[in-house]
Amino acid sequence: MLSESTRYSQDQAAGLAGVEVEDVRPGYARASLIVGQNHLNGMGMAHGGIVFLLADTVFAHACNARGVKTVAAQCEITYHLPSCPNDRLTAVGTEVYLRGRKGLYDVVVTNQRDEVVAHFRGHSVALRG
């Protein structure tokens, strides 16, 4: 089993994107990032993949915080508002359901004005062995 600090340091995609993991405990995680120029799409807004990466990172930490290797089985995201350069996005993920090897997690991404930018829902499955 990987320690929390080891797992954080091995998540190179989130690290390169500038994701800062702020809080992790079983069934809960919070992380944020500042939208930079390297996060923008051709329209000058945060690329949807960056918002998804932030939400997915929170989902991964929330469902792995019990020390059981868990992966995504299915994820979906709904975008509500665009994000602009220098916006601070915060994602908070909470466990909705956990039974046996299957879990369900909701992640809400907000900006610095507490406006909801996106909703993410992830279905997890714990690996055997």
N, C-alpha and C. Protein backbone atom coordinates (compact mmCIF):
# COMPACT_ATOMS: atom_id res chain seq x y z
N MET A 1 0.85 -1.18 0.00
CA MET A 1 0.00 0.00 0.00
C MET A 1 0.90 1.24 0.00
N LEU A 2 0.55 2.22 -0.86
CA LEU A 2 1.32 3.45 -0.92
C LEU A 2 0.85 4.43 0.14
N SER A 3 1.80 5.11 0.76
CA SER A 3 1.42 6.16 1.70
C SER A 3 0.83 7.32 0.92
N GLU A 4 0.10 8.19 1.63
CA GLU A 4 -0.51 9.36 0.98
C GLU A 4 0.55 10.22 0.31
N SER A 5 1.66 10.50 1.00
CA SER A 5 2.68 11.38 0.43
C SER A 5 3.31 10.75 -0.80
N THR A 6 3.53 9.45 -0.79
CA THR A 6 4.10 8.77 -1.95
C THR A 6 3.13 8.84 -3.12
N ARG A 7 1.86 8.59 -2.86
CA ARG A 7 0.86 8.63 -3.92
C ARG A 7 0.78 10.02 -4.53
N TYR A 8 0.80 11.06 -3.70
CA TYR A 8 0.77 12.43 -4.22
C TYR A 8 1.96 12.68 -5.13
N SER A 9 3.15 12.28 -4.68
CA SER A 9 4.35 12.56 -5.46
C SER A 9 4.40 11.75 -6.75
N GLN A 10 3.72 10.62 -6.81
CA GLN A 10 3.72 9.80 -8.01
C GLN A 10 2.64 10.21 -9.02
N ASP A 11 1.75 11.12 -8.66
CA ASP A 11 0.72 11.59 -9.58
C ASP A 11 1.32 12.73 -10.40
N GLN A 12 2.10 12.35 -11.41
CA GLN A 12 2.82 13.34 -12.20
C GLN A 12 1.89 14.22 -13.03
N ALA A 13 0.79 13.68 -13.52
CA ALA A 13 -0.13 14.48 -14.33
C ALA A 13 -0.72 15.62 -13.52
N ALA A 14 -1.21 15.32 -12.33
CA ALA A 14 -1.78 16.36 -11.47
C ALA A 14 -0.71 17.35 -11.05
N GLY A 15 0.47 16.86 -10.74
CA GLY A 15 1.56 17.73 -10.32
C GLY A 15 1.98 18.69 -11.43
N LEU A 16 2.10 18.18 -12.64
CA LEU A 16 2.48 19.04 -13.77
C LEU A 16 1.41 20.08 -14.06
N ALA A 17 0.15 19.75 -13.80
CA ALA A 17 -0.94 20.70 -14.04
C ALA A 17 -1.03 21.75 -12.94
N GLY A 18 -0.36 21.51 -11.81
CA GLY A 18 -0.39 22.48 -10.71
C GLY A 18 -1.46 22.21 -9.67
N VAL A 19 -2.00 21.00 -9.65
CA VAL A 19 -3.01 20.63 -8.66
C VAL A 19 -2.36 20.57 -7.28
N GLU A 20 -2.99 21.22 -6.31
CA GLU A 20 -2.54 21.19 -4.93
C GLU A 20 -3.58 20.42 -4.11
N VAL A 21 -3.21 19.25 -3.64
CA VAL A 21 -4.11 18.44 -2.80
C VAL A 21 -4.06 19.03 -1.40
N GLU A 22 -5.22 19.41 -0.88
CA GLU A 22 -5.29 20.13 0.39
C GLU A 22 -5.76 19.28 1.56
N ASP A 23 -6.65 18.33 1.30
CA ASP A 23 -7.20 17.52 2.39
C ASP A 23 -7.64 16.18 1.81
N VAL A 24 -7.30 15.11 2.51
CA VAL A 24 -7.72 13.77 2.10
C VAL A 24 -8.04 12.98 3.35
N ARG A 25 -9.20 12.35 3.34
CA ARG A 25 -9.57 11.40 4.39
C ARG A 25 -10.56 10.42 3.76
N PRO A 26 -10.82 9.30 4.38
CA PRO A 26 -11.70 8.32 3.76
C PRO A 26 -13.03 8.93 3.30
N GLY A 27 -13.29 8.79 2.01
CA GLY A 27 -14.55 9.28 1.45
C GLY A 27 -14.59 10.76 1.19
N TYR A 28 -13.44 11.46 1.30
CA TYR A 28 -13.43 12.91 1.12
C TYR A 28 -12.07 13.36 0.63
N ALA A 29 -12.07 14.34 -0.26
CA ALA A 29 -10.82 14.98 -0.66
C ALA A 29 -11.14 16.38 -1.18
N ARG A 30 -10.12 17.24 -1.08
CA ARG A 30 -10.24 18.61 -1.60
C ARG A 30 -8.90 18.99 -2.23
N ALA A 31 -8.98 19.63 -3.41
CA ALA A 31 -7.77 20.09 -4.09
C ALA A 31 -8.12 21.33 -4.90
N SER A 32 -7.08 22.06 -5.28
CA SER A 32 -7.32 23.27 -6.07
C SER A 32 -6.21 23.47 -7.07
N LEU A 33 -6.45 24.39 -8.00
CA LEU A 33 -5.42 24.82 -8.93
C LEU A 33 -5.76 26.22 -9.42
N ILE A 34 -4.73 26.94 -9.81
CA ILE A 34 -4.90 28.26 -10.41
C ILE A 34 -4.83 28.06 -11.92
N VAL A 35 -5.83 28.56 -12.64
CA VAL A 35 -5.85 28.43 -14.10
C VAL A 35 -4.74 29.30 -14.69
N GLY A 36 -3.80 28.65 -15.35
CA GLY A 36 -2.69 29.34 -15.97
C GLY A 36 -2.83 29.39 -17.48
N GLN A 37 -1.93 30.08 -18.12
CA GLN A 37 -1.95 30.19 -19.58
C GLN A 37 -1.83 28.83 -20.25
N ASN A 38 -1.08 27.91 -19.62
CA ASN A 38 -0.90 26.57 -20.19
C ASN A 38 -2.13 25.69 -20.01
N HIS A 39 -3.17 26.16 -19.34
CA HIS A 39 -4.41 25.41 -19.14
C HIS A 39 -5.51 25.83 -20.11
N LEU A 40 -5.24 26.79 -20.97
CA LEU A 40 -6.29 27.39 -21.79
C LEU A 40 -6.51 26.65 -23.10
N ASN A 41 -7.77 26.67 -23.54
CA ASN A 41 -8.10 26.13 -24.86
C ASN A 41 -7.98 27.26 -25.88
N GLY A 42 -8.35 27.01 -27.12
CA GLY A 42 -8.25 28.00 -28.18
C GLY A 42 -9.17 29.19 -28.02
N MET A 43 -10.13 29.10 -27.10
CA MET A 43 -11.06 30.20 -26.86
C MET A 43 -10.64 31.05 -25.66
N GLY A 44 -9.49 30.72 -25.07
CA GLY A 44 -8.99 31.50 -23.94
C GLY A 44 -9.59 31.13 -22.60
N MET A 45 -10.30 30.00 -22.55
CA MET A 45 -10.90 29.51 -21.29
C MET A 45 -10.16 28.25 -20.85
N ALA A 46 -10.33 27.89 -19.58
CA ALA A 46 -9.71 26.65 -19.11
C ALA A 46 -10.22 25.49 -19.95
N HIS A 47 -9.30 24.68 -20.42
CA HIS A 47 -9.64 23.49 -21.19
C HIS A 47 -10.47 22.56 -20.31
N GLY A 48 -11.49 21.97 -20.87
CA GLY A 48 -12.33 21.05 -20.10
C GLY A 48 -11.55 19.91 -19.49
N GLY A 49 -10.49 19.49 -20.17
CA GLY A 49 -9.66 18.40 -19.66
C GLY A 49 -8.94 18.78 -18.38
N ILE A 50 -8.63 20.05 -18.20
CA ILE A 50 -7.97 20.51 -16.96
C ILE A 50 -8.96 20.47 -15.80
N VAL A 51 -10.19 20.90 -16.06
CA VAL A 51 -11.23 20.84 -15.01
C VAL A 51 -11.51 19.38 -14.66
N PHE A 52 -11.57 18.52 -15.68
CA PHE A 52 -11.78 17.10 -15.44
C PHE A 52 -10.62 16.51 -14.63
N LEU A 53 -9.38 16.88 -14.98
CA LEU A 53 -8.21 16.38 -14.27
C LEU A 53 -8.26 16.74 -12.80
N LEU A 54 -8.64 17.97 -12.50
CA LEU A 54 -8.77 18.39 -11.10
C LEU A 54 -9.82 17.55 -10.38
N ALA A 55 -10.99 17.41 -10.98
CA ALA A 55 -12.07 16.63 -10.36
C ALA A 55 -11.68 15.16 -10.23
N ASP A 56 -11.06 14.61 -11.24
CA ASP A 56 -10.66 13.21 -11.22
C ASP A 56 -9.59 12.95 -10.17
N THR A 57 -8.71 13.90 -9.96
CA THR A 57 -7.68 13.78 -8.93
C THR A 57 -8.33 13.70 -7.54
N VAL A 58 -9.31 14.55 -7.30
CA VAL A 58 -10.03 14.54 -6.03
C VAL A 58 -10.77 13.22 -5.85
N PHE A 59 -11.44 12.77 -6.89
CA PHE A 59 -12.14 11.48 -6.88
C PHE A 59 -11.17 10.36 -6.51
N ALA A 60 -10.01 10.33 -7.16
CA ALA A 60 -9.03 9.27 -6.90
C ALA A 60 -8.57 9.26 -5.45
N HIS A 61 -8.30 10.44 -4.91
CA HIS A 61 -7.84 10.50 -3.52
C HIS A 61 -8.95 10.12 -2.54
N ALA A 62 -10.17 10.55 -2.81
CA ALA A 62 -11.28 10.23 -1.90
C ALA A 62 -11.55 8.73 -1.86
N CYS A 63 -11.48 8.07 -3.00
CA CYS A 63 -11.82 6.64 -3.00
C CYS A 63 -10.63 5.75 -2.68
N ASN A 64 -9.42 6.29 -2.64
CA ASN A 64 -8.25 5.50 -2.25
C ASN A 64 -7.77 5.77 -0.83
N ALA A 65 -8.41 6.67 -0.13
CA ALA A 65 -7.94 7.10 1.18
C ALA A 65 -8.03 6.01 2.26
N ARG A 66 -8.74 4.95 1.99
CA ARG A 66 -8.81 3.86 2.97
C ARG A 66 -7.66 2.87 2.80
N GLY A 67 -6.81 3.11 1.81
CA GLY A 67 -5.66 2.24 1.60
C GLY A 67 -5.94 1.04 0.73
N VAL A 68 -7.11 0.97 0.11
CA VAL A 68 -7.46 -0.11 -0.81
C VAL A 68 -7.30 0.44 -2.22
N LYS A 69 -6.51 -0.25 -3.06
CA LYS A 69 -6.31 0.21 -4.43
C LYS A 69 -7.64 0.21 -5.17
N THR A 70 -8.04 1.39 -5.59
CA THR A 70 -9.34 1.59 -6.21
C THR A 70 -9.16 2.38 -7.49
N VAL A 71 -9.90 2.00 -8.54
CA VAL A 71 -9.81 2.69 -9.83
C VAL A 71 -11.19 3.14 -10.28
N ALA A 72 -11.21 3.98 -11.27
CA ALA A 72 -12.46 4.47 -11.84
C ALA A 72 -13.05 3.41 -12.76
N ALA A 73 -14.34 3.20 -12.64
CA ALA A 73 -15.07 2.33 -13.56
C ALA A 73 -15.81 3.17 -14.60
N GLN A 74 -16.24 4.34 -14.18
CA GLN A 74 -16.97 5.25 -15.07
C GLN A 74 -16.96 6.64 -14.44
N CYS A 75 -16.84 7.65 -15.28
CA CYS A 75 -16.88 9.03 -14.81
C CYS A 75 -17.65 9.88 -15.81
N GLU A 76 -18.28 10.92 -15.28
CA GLU A 76 -18.93 11.88 -16.17
C GLU A 76 -18.81 13.26 -15.54
N ILE A 77 -18.82 14.27 -16.38
CA ILE A 77 -18.72 15.64 -15.89
C ILE A 77 -19.69 16.51 -16.67
N THR A 78 -20.26 17.47 -15.96
CA THR A 78 -21.12 18.48 -16.56
C THR A 78 -20.48 19.82 -16.26
N TYR A 79 -20.24 20.59 -17.32
CA TYR A 79 -19.64 21.92 -17.16
C TYR A 79 -20.74 22.96 -17.11
N HIS A 80 -20.65 23.86 -16.14
CA HIS A 80 -21.66 24.90 -15.96
C HIS A 80 -21.17 26.28 -16.35
N LEU A 81 -19.94 26.61 -15.98
CA LEU A 81 -19.37 27.93 -16.26
C LEU A 81 -17.95 27.79 -16.79
N PRO A 82 -17.54 28.71 -17.65
CA PRO A 82 -16.14 28.69 -18.08
C PRO A 82 -15.24 29.24 -16.97
N SER A 83 -13.98 28.88 -17.05
CA SER A 83 -12.98 29.41 -16.12
C SER A 83 -11.95 30.18 -16.93
N CYS A 84 -11.48 31.27 -16.35
CA CYS A 84 -10.56 32.18 -17.03
C CYS A 84 -9.18 32.12 -16.39
N PRO A 85 -8.17 32.68 -17.08
CA PRO A 85 -6.84 32.72 -16.48
C PRO A 85 -6.88 33.37 -15.10
N ASN A 86 -6.12 32.82 -14.19
CA ASN A 86 -5.99 33.26 -12.80
C ASN A 86 -7.17 32.88 -11.91
N ASP A 87 -8.21 32.23 -12.45
CA ASP A 87 -9.27 31.72 -11.58
C ASP A 87 -8.68 30.64 -10.68
N ARG A 88 -9.11 30.61 -9.43
CA ARG A 88 -8.73 29.53 -8.51
C ARG A 88 -9.88 28.55 -8.46
N LEU A 89 -9.64 27.35 -8.97
CA LEU A 89 -10.66 26.30 -8.96
C LEU A 89 -10.41 25.38 -7.77
N THR A 90 -11.48 25.08 -7.05
CA THR A 90 -11.41 24.16 -5.92
C THR A 90 -12.40 23.04 -6.16
N ALA A 91 -11.92 21.82 -5.99
CA ALA A 91 -12.77 20.64 -6.16
C ALA A 91 -12.90 19.95 -4.81
N VAL A 92 -14.13 19.62 -4.44
CA VAL A 92 -14.41 18.91 -3.20
C VAL A 92 -15.19 17.64 -3.57
N GLY A 93 -14.64 16.52 -3.16
CA GLY A 93 -15.26 15.23 -3.47
C GLY A 93 -15.76 14.54 -2.22
N THR A 94 -16.94 13.96 -2.32
CA THR A 94 -17.53 13.24 -1.19
C THR A 94 -18.07 11.89 -1.65
N GLU A 95 -17.95 10.95 -0.77
CA GLU A 95 -18.47 9.61 -1.03
C GLU A 95 -19.98 9.62 -0.87
N VAL A 96 -20.69 9.10 -1.86
CA VAL A 96 -22.14 9.00 -1.82
C VAL A 96 -22.56 7.60 -1.40
N TYR A 97 -21.78 6.61 -1.84
CA TYR A 97 -22.14 5.22 -1.63
C TYR A 97 -20.87 4.38 -1.64
N LEU A 98 -20.78 3.41 -0.74
CA LEU A 98 -19.69 2.44 -0.75
C LEU A 98 -20.21 1.14 -0.18
N ARG A 99 -20.11 0.11 -1.00
CA ARG A 99 -20.54 -1.21 -0.55
C ARG A 99 -19.72 -2.25 -1.30
N GLY A 100 -19.08 -3.11 -0.55
CA GLY A 100 -18.23 -4.10 -1.18
C GLY A 100 -17.11 -3.41 -1.94
N ARG A 101 -16.97 -3.77 -3.20
CA ARG A 101 -15.90 -3.20 -4.03
C ARG A 101 -16.34 -1.96 -4.80
N LYS A 102 -17.60 -1.59 -4.74
CA LYS A 102 -18.11 -0.49 -5.57
C LYS A 102 -18.39 0.77 -4.75
N GLY A 103 -18.06 1.91 -5.35
CA GLY A 103 -18.31 3.18 -4.69
C GLY A 103 -18.83 4.21 -5.69
N LEU A 104 -19.44 5.25 -5.15
CA LEU A 104 -19.95 6.36 -5.95
C LEU A 104 -19.54 7.65 -5.27
N TYR A 105 -18.97 8.58 -6.05
CA TYR A 105 -18.43 9.82 -5.50
C TYR A 105 -18.89 11.01 -6.34
N ASP A 106 -19.24 12.08 -5.66
CA ASP A 106 -19.59 13.33 -6.33
C ASP A 106 -18.51 14.36 -6.03
N VAL A 107 -18.13 15.11 -7.06
CA VAL A 107 -17.14 16.16 -6.93
C VAL A 107 -17.76 17.44 -7.48
N VAL A 108 -17.68 18.51 -6.70
CA VAL A 108 -18.16 19.82 -7.14
C VAL A 108 -16.94 20.72 -7.29
N VAL A 109 -16.82 21.34 -8.46
CA VAL A 109 -15.72 22.27 -8.73
C VAL A 109 -16.29 23.68 -8.71
N THR A 110 -15.68 24.54 -7.89
CA THR A 110 -16.11 25.93 -7.78
C THR A 110 -14.94 26.85 -8.09
N ASN A 111 -15.27 28.11 -8.35
CA ASN A 111 -14.22 29.12 -8.55
C ASN A 111 -14.08 29.96 -7.28
N GLN A 112 -13.25 30.98 -7.34
CA GLN A 112 -12.97 31.81 -6.17
C GLN A 112 -14.18 32.63 -5.72
N ARG A 113 -15.20 32.70 -6.55
CA ARG A 113 -16.44 33.41 -6.18
C ARG A 113 -17.52 32.44 -5.67
N ASP A 114 -17.11 31.19 -5.42
CA ASP A 114 -18.01 30.11 -4.98
C ASP A 114 -19.09 29.80 -6.00
N GLU A 115 -18.82 30.08 -7.26
CA GLU A 115 -19.74 29.71 -8.33
C GLU A 115 -19.39 28.29 -8.77
N VAL A 116 -20.42 27.48 -9.02
CA VAL A 116 -20.18 26.10 -9.44
C VAL A 116 -19.77 26.09 -10.91
N VAL A 117 -18.59 25.58 -11.16
CA VAL A 117 -18.02 25.49 -12.50
C VAL A 117 -18.39 24.15 -13.14
N ALA A 118 -18.38 23.07 -12.35
CA ALA A 118 -18.66 21.74 -12.89
C ALA A 118 -19.10 20.78 -11.80
N HIS A 119 -19.86 19.78 -12.21
CA HIS A 119 -20.20 18.63 -11.36
C HIS A 119 -19.60 17.39 -12.02
N PHE A 120 -18.98 16.56 -11.21
CA PHE A 120 -18.33 15.32 -11.67
C PHE A 120 -18.91 14.19 -10.83
N ARG A 121 -19.19 13.07 -11.47
CA ARG A 121 -19.63 11.87 -10.75
C ARG A 121 -18.76 10.71 -11.18
N GLY A 122 -18.18 10.03 -10.20
CA GLY A 122 -17.29 8.91 -10.49
C GLY A 122 -17.75 7.64 -9.80
N HIS A 123 -17.73 6.56 -10.56
CA HIS A 123 -18.02 5.22 -10.03
C HIS A 123 -16.69 4.50 -9.87
N SER A 124 -16.44 3.98 -8.69
CA SER A 124 -15.16 3.32 -8.42
C SER A 124 -15.35 1.82 -8.22
N VAL A 125 -14.24 1.12 -8.40
CA VAL A 125 -14.22 -0.31 -8.11
C VAL A 125 -12.86 -0.62 -7.47
N ALA A 126 -12.91 -1.31 -6.33
CA ALA A 126 -11.67 -1.70 -5.66
C ALA A 126 -11.09 -2.92 -6.36
N LEU A 127 -9.78 -2.91 -6.54
CA LEU A 127 -9.11 -4.02 -7.19
C LEU A 127 -9.02 -5.21 -6.23
N ARG A 128 -9.06 -6.38 -6.77
CA ARG A 128 -8.91 -7.60 -5.96
C ARG A 128 -7.44 -7.80 -5.66
N GLY A 129 -7.18 -8.37 -4.48
CA GLY A 129 -5.81 -8.77 -4.13
C GLY A 129 -4.92 -7.72 -3.70
